[in-house]
């Protein structure tokens, strides 16, 4: 099952995603005691503020989660999970920034990678929750690089939503289901 969760900055999307993942994990754990609860963090420890934010997030999530930090190559990680594992990928927005600006990936390459993630999730019957930010609301940005980033992210959102089972937008902590049921 693929679940796409979006929202603006500080909208409550990550907390909602964590609670949703825990709910699936608790349900699935009753049927299969060997499944895992994983958190794939795409953020990098780029400065002291980010290091502290990561520390706080890990503390708040608690010990039930197994966190994997990876900023670029997610396919090998997803390939190693087993049937029924619950995986929260947080977040697509940062991953796109990482691969676009540090690795120079084009939209087509990113789409190929994301499609492989979704294919792996379906083949392995994973519960894959993908979190991303809504960045394309409001007046278009005048900077070409920013506009290209926003366009790329929106194209990936569209692609993921088309292939997802559930699509949710969170605003002020309240989920709005655009596709599937909660």
C-alpha atoms as a PDB file:
ATOM      1  CA  UNK A   1       0.000   0.000   0.000  1.00  0.00           C
ATOM      2  CA  UNK A   2       1.318   3.443  -0.944  1.00  0.00           C
ATOM      3  CA  UNK A   3       0.124   6.438   1.052  1.00  0.00           C
ATOM      4  CA  UNK A   4       1.050   9.966   0.003  1.00  0.00           C
ATOM      5  CA  UNK A   5       0.844  12.655   2.691  1.00  0.00           C
ATOM      6  CA  UNK A   6       1.398  16.315   1.922  1.00  0.00           C
ATOM      7  CA  UNK A   7       0.968  19.614   3.679  1.00  0.00           C
ATOM      8  CA  UNK A   8       2.568  22.965   4.224  1.00  0.00           C
ATOM      9  CA  UNK A   9       5.410  23.688   6.604  1.00  0.00           C
ATOM     10  CA  UNK A  10       4.423  22.894  10.198  1.00  0.00           C
ATOM     11  CA  UNK A  11       1.010  21.620   9.070  1.00  0.00           C
ATOM     12  CA  UNK A  12       1.166  18.464  11.184  1.00  0.00           C
ATOM     13  CA  UNK A  13       1.819  16.173   8.207  1.00  0.00           C
ATOM     14  CA  UNK A  14       4.787  14.358   9.787  1.00  0.00           C
ATOM     15  CA  UNK A  15       2.946  13.729  13.044  1.00  0.00           C
ATOM     16  CA  UNK A  16      -0.072  12.484  11.097  1.00  0.00           C
ATOM     17  CA  UNK A  17       2.195  10.233   9.005  1.00  0.00           C
ATOM     18  CA  UNK A  18       3.863   8.817  12.119  1.00  0.00           C
ATOM     19  CA  UNK A  19       0.520   8.102  13.782  1.00  0.00           C
ATOM     20  CA  UNK A  20      -0.808   6.490  10.601  1.00  0.00           C
ATOM     21  CA  UNK A  21       2.306   4.328  10.228  1.00  0.00           C
ATOM     22  CA  UNK A  22       2.079   3.241  13.874  1.00  0.00           C
ATOM     23  CA  UNK A  23      -1.569   2.326  13.384  1.00  0.00           C
ATOM     24  CA  UNK A  24      -0.758   0.142  10.356  1.00  0.00           C
ATOM     25  CA  UNK A  25       2.194  -1.375  12.195  1.00  0.00           C
ATOM     26  CA  UNK A  26       0.091  -2.274  15.246  1.00  0.00           C
ATOM     27  CA  UNK A  27      -2.571  -3.846  12.995  1.00  0.00           C
ATOM     28  CA  UNK A  28      -0.085  -5.803  10.920  1.00  0.00           C
ATOM     29  CA  UNK A  29       1.997  -6.896  13.910  1.00  0.00           C
ATOM     30  CA  UNK A  30      -0.978  -8.947  15.144  1.00  0.00           C
ATOM     31  CA  UNK A  31      -0.904 -10.955  11.895  1.00  0.00           C
ATOM     32  CA  UNK A  32       2.857 -11.073  11.331  1.00  0.00           C
ATOM     33  CA  UNK A  33       5.199 -10.723  14.309  1.00  0.00           C
ATOM     34  CA  UNK A  34       8.289 -10.367  12.126  1.00  0.00           C
ATOM     35  CA  UNK A  35       7.358  -7.089  10.390  1.00  0.00           C
ATOM     36  CA  UNK A  36       9.353  -3.935  11.048  1.00  0.00           C
ATOM     37  CA  UNK A  37       8.571  -0.266  11.538  1.00  0.00           C
ATOM     38  CA  UNK A  38      11.101   1.878   9.658  1.00  0.00           C
ATOM     39  CA  UNK A  39      11.680   5.580   9.258  1.00  0.00           C
ATOM     40  CA  UNK A  40      13.730   6.727   6.265  1.00  0.00           C
ATOM     41  CA  UNK A  41      15.037  10.227   6.939  1.00  0.00           C
ATOM     42  CA  UNK A  42      16.256  12.106   3.873  1.00  0.00           C
ATOM     43  CA  UNK A  43      17.503  15.199   5.736  1.00  0.00           C
ATOM     44  CA  UNK A  44      21.213  15.717   6.215  1.00  0.00           C
ATOM     45  CA  UNK A  45      22.930  16.963   9.341  1.00  0.00           C
ATOM     46  CA  UNK A  46      23.999  20.131   7.572  1.00  0.00           C
ATOM     47  CA  UNK A  47      24.345  22.467  10.551  1.00  0.00           C
ATOM     48  CA  UNK A  48      23.854  22.599  14.328  1.00  0.00           C
ATOM     49  CA  UNK A  49      20.183  23.559  14.014  1.00  0.00           C
ATOM     50  CA  UNK A  50      19.471  20.571  11.763  1.00  0.00           C
ATOM     51  CA  UNK A  51      21.382  18.225  14.073  1.00  0.00           C
ATOM     52  CA  UNK A  52      19.202  19.411  16.966  1.00  0.00           C
ATOM     53  CA  UNK A  53      15.961  19.093  14.954  1.00  0.00           C
ATOM     54  CA  UNK A  54      16.899  15.528  13.979  1.00  0.00           C
ATOM     55  CA  UNK A  55      17.733  14.685  17.595  1.00  0.00           C
ATOM     56  CA  UNK A  56      14.380  16.032  18.813  1.00  0.00           C
ATOM     57  CA  UNK A  57      12.452  14.159  16.110  1.00  0.00           C
ATOM     58  CA  UNK A  58      14.200  10.876  16.929  1.00  0.00           C
ATOM     59  CA  UNK A  59      13.551  11.356  20.638  1.00  0.00           C
ATOM     60  CA  UNK A  60       9.888  12.192  20.051  1.00  0.00           C
ATOM     61  CA  UNK A  61       9.368   9.118  17.846  1.00  0.00           C
ATOM     62  CA  UNK A  62      10.675   6.802  20.528  1.00  0.00           C
ATOM     63  CA  UNK A  63      12.321   3.412  20.379  1.00  0.00           C
ATOM     64  CA  UNK A  64       9.696   1.575  18.314  1.00  0.00           C
ATOM     65  CA  UNK A  65      11.103   3.108  15.143  1.00  0.00           C
ATOM     66  CA  UNK A  66      14.245   1.963  13.367  1.00  0.00           C
ATOM     67  CA  UNK A  67      15.627   5.061  11.636  1.00  0.00           C
ATOM     68  CA  UNK A  68      17.672   4.915   8.457  1.00  0.00           C
ATOM     69  CA  UNK A  69      19.320   8.111   7.299  1.00  0.00           C
ATOM     70  CA  UNK A  70      19.786   8.270   3.532  1.00  0.00           C
ATOM     71  CA  UNK A  71      19.738  11.406   1.418  1.00  0.00           C
ATOM     72  CA  UNK A  72      20.095   9.972  -2.089  1.00  0.00           C
ATOM     73  CA  UNK A  73      19.842   6.212  -2.753  1.00  0.00           C
ATOM     74  CA  UNK A  74      16.547   4.833  -1.494  1.00  0.00           C
ATOM     75  CA  UNK A  75      15.990   1.886  -3.864  1.00  0.00           C
ATOM     76  CA  UNK A  76      18.560  -0.416  -2.180  1.00  0.00           C
ATOM     77  CA  UNK A  77      17.048   0.328   1.207  1.00  0.00           C
ATOM     78  CA  UNK A  78      13.490  -0.358   0.069  1.00  0.00           C
ATOM     79  CA  UNK A  79      14.649  -3.550  -1.660  1.00  0.00           C
ATOM     80  CA  UNK A  80      15.871  -4.939   1.665  1.00  0.00           C
ATOM     81  CA  UNK A  81      12.526  -4.689   3.434  1.00  0.00           C
ATOM     82  CA  UNK A  82      10.270  -7.689   3.744  1.00  0.00           C
ATOM     83  CA  UNK A  83       6.600  -8.280   3.070  1.00  0.00           C
ATOM     84  CA  UNK A  84       4.338  -6.224   5.293  1.00  0.00           C
ATOM     85  CA  UNK A  85       7.003  -3.852   6.650  1.00  0.00           C
ATOM     86  CA  UNK A  86       5.764  -0.349   7.418  1.00  0.00           C
ATOM     87  CA  UNK A  87       8.045   2.383   6.088  1.00  0.00           C
ATOM     88  CA  UNK A  88       7.707   6.123   6.558  1.00  0.00           C
ATOM     89  CA  UNK A  89       9.773   8.166   4.089  1.00  0.00           C
ATOM     90  CA  UNK A  90      10.166  11.728   5.352  1.00  0.00           C
ATOM     91  CA  UNK A  91      10.504  13.605   3.166  1.00  0.00           C
ATOM     92  CA  UNK A  92      10.266  13.718  -0.609  1.00  0.00           C
ATOM     93  CA  UNK A  93      10.796  17.499  -0.619  1.00  0.00           C
ATOM     94  CA  UNK A  94      14.268  17.213   0.889  1.00  0.00           C
ATOM     95  CA  UNK A  95      15.149  14.188  -1.256  1.00  0.00           C
ATOM     96  CA  UNK A  96      14.295  16.171  -4.410  1.00  0.00           C
ATOM     97  CA  UNK A  97      16.447  19.057  -3.209  1.00  0.00           C
ATOM     98  CA  UNK A  98      19.329  16.686  -2.470  1.00  0.00           C
ATOM     99  CA  UNK A  99      19.301  14.859  -5.803  1.00  0.00           C
ATOM    100  CA  UNK A 100      18.465  17.899  -7.907  1.00  0.00           C
ATOM    101  CA  UNK A 101      20.999  20.339  -6.520  1.00  0.00           C
ATOM    102  CA  UNK A 102      23.773  18.066  -5.249  1.00  0.00           C
ATOM    103  CA  UNK A 103      23.618  15.258  -7.810  1.00  0.00           C
ATOM    104  CA  UNK A 104      22.178  17.115 -10.788  1.00  0.00           C
ATOM    105  CA  UNK A 105      19.378  14.631 -11.468  1.00  0.00           C
ATOM    106  CA  UNK A 106      16.830  15.679 -14.051  1.00  0.00           C
ATOM    107  CA  UNK A 107      13.087  15.243 -13.625  1.00  0.00           C
ATOM    108  CA  UNK A 108      13.024  12.117 -15.784  1.00  0.00           C
ATOM    109  CA  UNK A 109      15.700  10.455 -13.637  1.00  0.00           C
ATOM    110  CA  UNK A 110      13.816  11.338 -10.463  1.00  0.00           C
ATOM    111  CA  UNK A 111      10.589   9.951 -11.927  1.00  0.00           C
ATOM    112  CA  UNK A 112      12.365   6.701 -12.771  1.00  0.00           C
ATOM    113  CA  UNK A 113      13.672   6.377  -9.223  1.00  0.00           C
ATOM    114  CA  UNK A 114      10.313   7.183  -7.635  1.00  0.00           C
ATOM    115  CA  UNK A 115       8.600   4.690  -9.945  1.00  0.00           C
ATOM    116  CA  UNK A 116      11.085   2.041  -8.782  1.00  0.00           C
ATOM    117  CA  UNK A 117      10.247   2.847  -5.129  1.00  0.00           C
ATOM    118  CA  UNK A 118       6.553   2.388  -5.858  1.00  0.00           C
ATOM    119  CA  UNK A 119       7.177  -0.796  -7.805  1.00  0.00           C
ATOM    120  CA  UNK A 120       9.238  -2.230  -4.947  1.00  0.00           C
ATOM    121  CA  UNK A 121       6.506  -1.293  -2.473  1.00  0.00           C
ATOM    122  CA  UNK A 122       3.867  -3.105  -4.542  1.00  0.00           C
ATOM    123  CA  UNK A 123       6.025  -6.174  -5.220  1.00  0.00           C
ATOM    124  CA  UNK A 124       7.007  -6.571  -1.566  1.00  0.00           C
ATOM    125  CA  UNK A 125       3.541  -5.604  -0.273  1.00  0.00           C
ATOM    126  CA  UNK A 126       5.020  -2.849   1.880  1.00  0.00           C
ATOM    127  CA  UNK A 127       3.135  -0.100   3.626  1.00  0.00           C
ATOM    128  CA  UNK A 128       5.036   2.882   2.218  1.00  0.00           C
ATOM    129  CA  UNK A 129       4.069   6.303   3.519  1.00  0.00           C
ATOM    130  CA  UNK A 130       5.667   9.184   1.590  1.00  0.00           C
ATOM    131  CA  UNK A 131       5.622  12.642   3.169  1.00  0.00           C
ATOM    132  CA  UNK A 132       6.117  15.817   1.135  1.00  0.00           C
ATOM    133  CA  UNK A 133       5.564  19.562   1.366  1.00  0.00           C
ATOM    134  CA  UNK A 134       3.052  21.596  -0.588  1.00  0.00           C
ATOM    135  CA  UNK A 135       5.272  24.260  -2.128  1.00  0.00           C
ATOM    136  CA  UNK A 136       3.327  25.297  -5.220  1.00  0.00           C
ATOM    137  CA  UNK A 137       0.492  27.197  -3.612  1.00  0.00           C
ATOM    138  CA  UNK A 138       0.316  30.912  -4.179  1.00  0.00           C
ATOM    139  CA  UNK A 139       2.055  33.242  -6.587  1.00  0.00           C
ATOM    140  CA  UNK A 140       4.618  31.643  -8.933  1.00  0.00           C
ATOM    141  CA  UNK A 141       8.204  32.363  -7.939  1.00  0.00           C
ATOM    142  CA  UNK A 142      10.237  34.655 -10.187  1.00  0.00           C
ATOM    143  CA  UNK A 143      13.522  32.745  -9.765  1.00  0.00           C
ATOM    144  CA  UNK A 144      13.961  30.134 -12.510  1.00  0.00           C
ATOM    145  CA  UNK A 145      15.790  27.661 -10.254  1.00  0.00           C
ATOM    146  CA  UNK A 146      13.095  27.840  -7.570  1.00  0.00           C
ATOM    147  CA  UNK A 147      10.378  27.573 -10.208  1.00  0.00           C
ATOM    148  CA  UNK A 148      12.088  24.504 -11.707  1.00  0.00           C
ATOM    149  CA  UNK A 149      12.327  22.881  -8.256  1.00  0.00           C
ATOM    150  CA  UNK A 150       8.652  23.558  -7.543  1.00  0.00           C
ATOM    151  CA  UNK A 151       7.611  22.233 -10.964  1.00  0.00           C
ATOM    152  CA  UNK A 152       9.702  19.088 -10.472  1.00  0.00           C
ATOM    153  CA  UNK A 153       8.232  18.428  -7.037  1.00  0.00           C
ATOM    154  CA  UNK A 154       4.689  18.948  -8.294  1.00  0.00           C
ATOM    155  CA  UNK A 155       5.252  16.520 -11.192  1.00  0.00           C
ATOM    156  CA  UNK A 156       6.522  13.913  -8.729  1.00  0.00           C
ATOM    157  CA  UNK A 157       3.510  14.554  -6.477  1.00  0.00           C
ATOM    158  CA  UNK A 158       1.190  13.997  -9.423  1.00  0.00           C
ATOM    159  CA  UNK A 159       2.987  10.785 -10.360  1.00  0.00           C
ATOM    160  CA  UNK A 160       2.920   9.405  -6.820  1.00  0.00           C
ATOM    161  CA  UNK A 161      -0.726  10.313  -6.247  1.00  0.00           C
ATOM    162  CA  UNK A 162      -1.707   8.571  -9.491  1.00  0.00           C
ATOM    163  CA  UNK A 163      -0.061   5.371  -8.221  1.00  0.00           C
ATOM    164  CA  UNK A 164      -0.977   5.663  -4.546  1.00  0.00           C
ATOM    165  CA  UNK A 165      -3.786   3.938  -2.706  1.00  0.00           C
ATOM    166  CA  UNK A 166      -4.378   6.895  -0.406  1.00  0.00           C
ATOM    167  CA  UNK A 167      -3.534  10.600  -0.824  1.00  0.00           C
ATOM    168  CA  UNK A 168      -3.933  12.955   2.114  1.00  0.00           C
ATOM    169  CA  UNK A 169      -3.300  16.653   2.578  1.00  0.00           C
ATOM    170  CA  UNK A 170      -2.851  17.869   6.158  1.00  0.00           C
ATOM    171  CA  UNK A 171      -3.722  21.425   7.148  1.00  0.00           C
ATOM    172  CA  UNK A 172      -3.506  22.616  10.758  1.00  0.00           C
ATOM    173  CA  UNK A 173      -3.259  18.990  11.839  1.00  0.00           C
ATOM    174  CA  UNK A 174      -6.474  17.996  10.072  1.00  0.00           C
ATOM    175  CA  UNK A 175      -6.235  15.390   7.304  1.00  0.00           C
ATOM    176  CA  UNK A 176      -8.199  15.858   4.096  1.00  0.00           C
ATOM    177  CA  UNK A 177      -8.404  12.637   2.081  1.00  0.00           C
ATOM    178  CA  UNK A 178      -8.182  13.297  -1.642  1.00  0.00           C
ATOM    179  CA  UNK A 179      -7.900   9.658  -2.648  1.00  0.00           C
ATOM    180  CA  UNK A 180      -8.757   6.499  -0.719  1.00  0.00           C
ATOM    181  CA  UNK A 181     -10.229   6.354   2.734  1.00  0.00           C
ATOM    182  CA  UNK A 182      -8.820   7.033   6.159  1.00  0.00           C
END
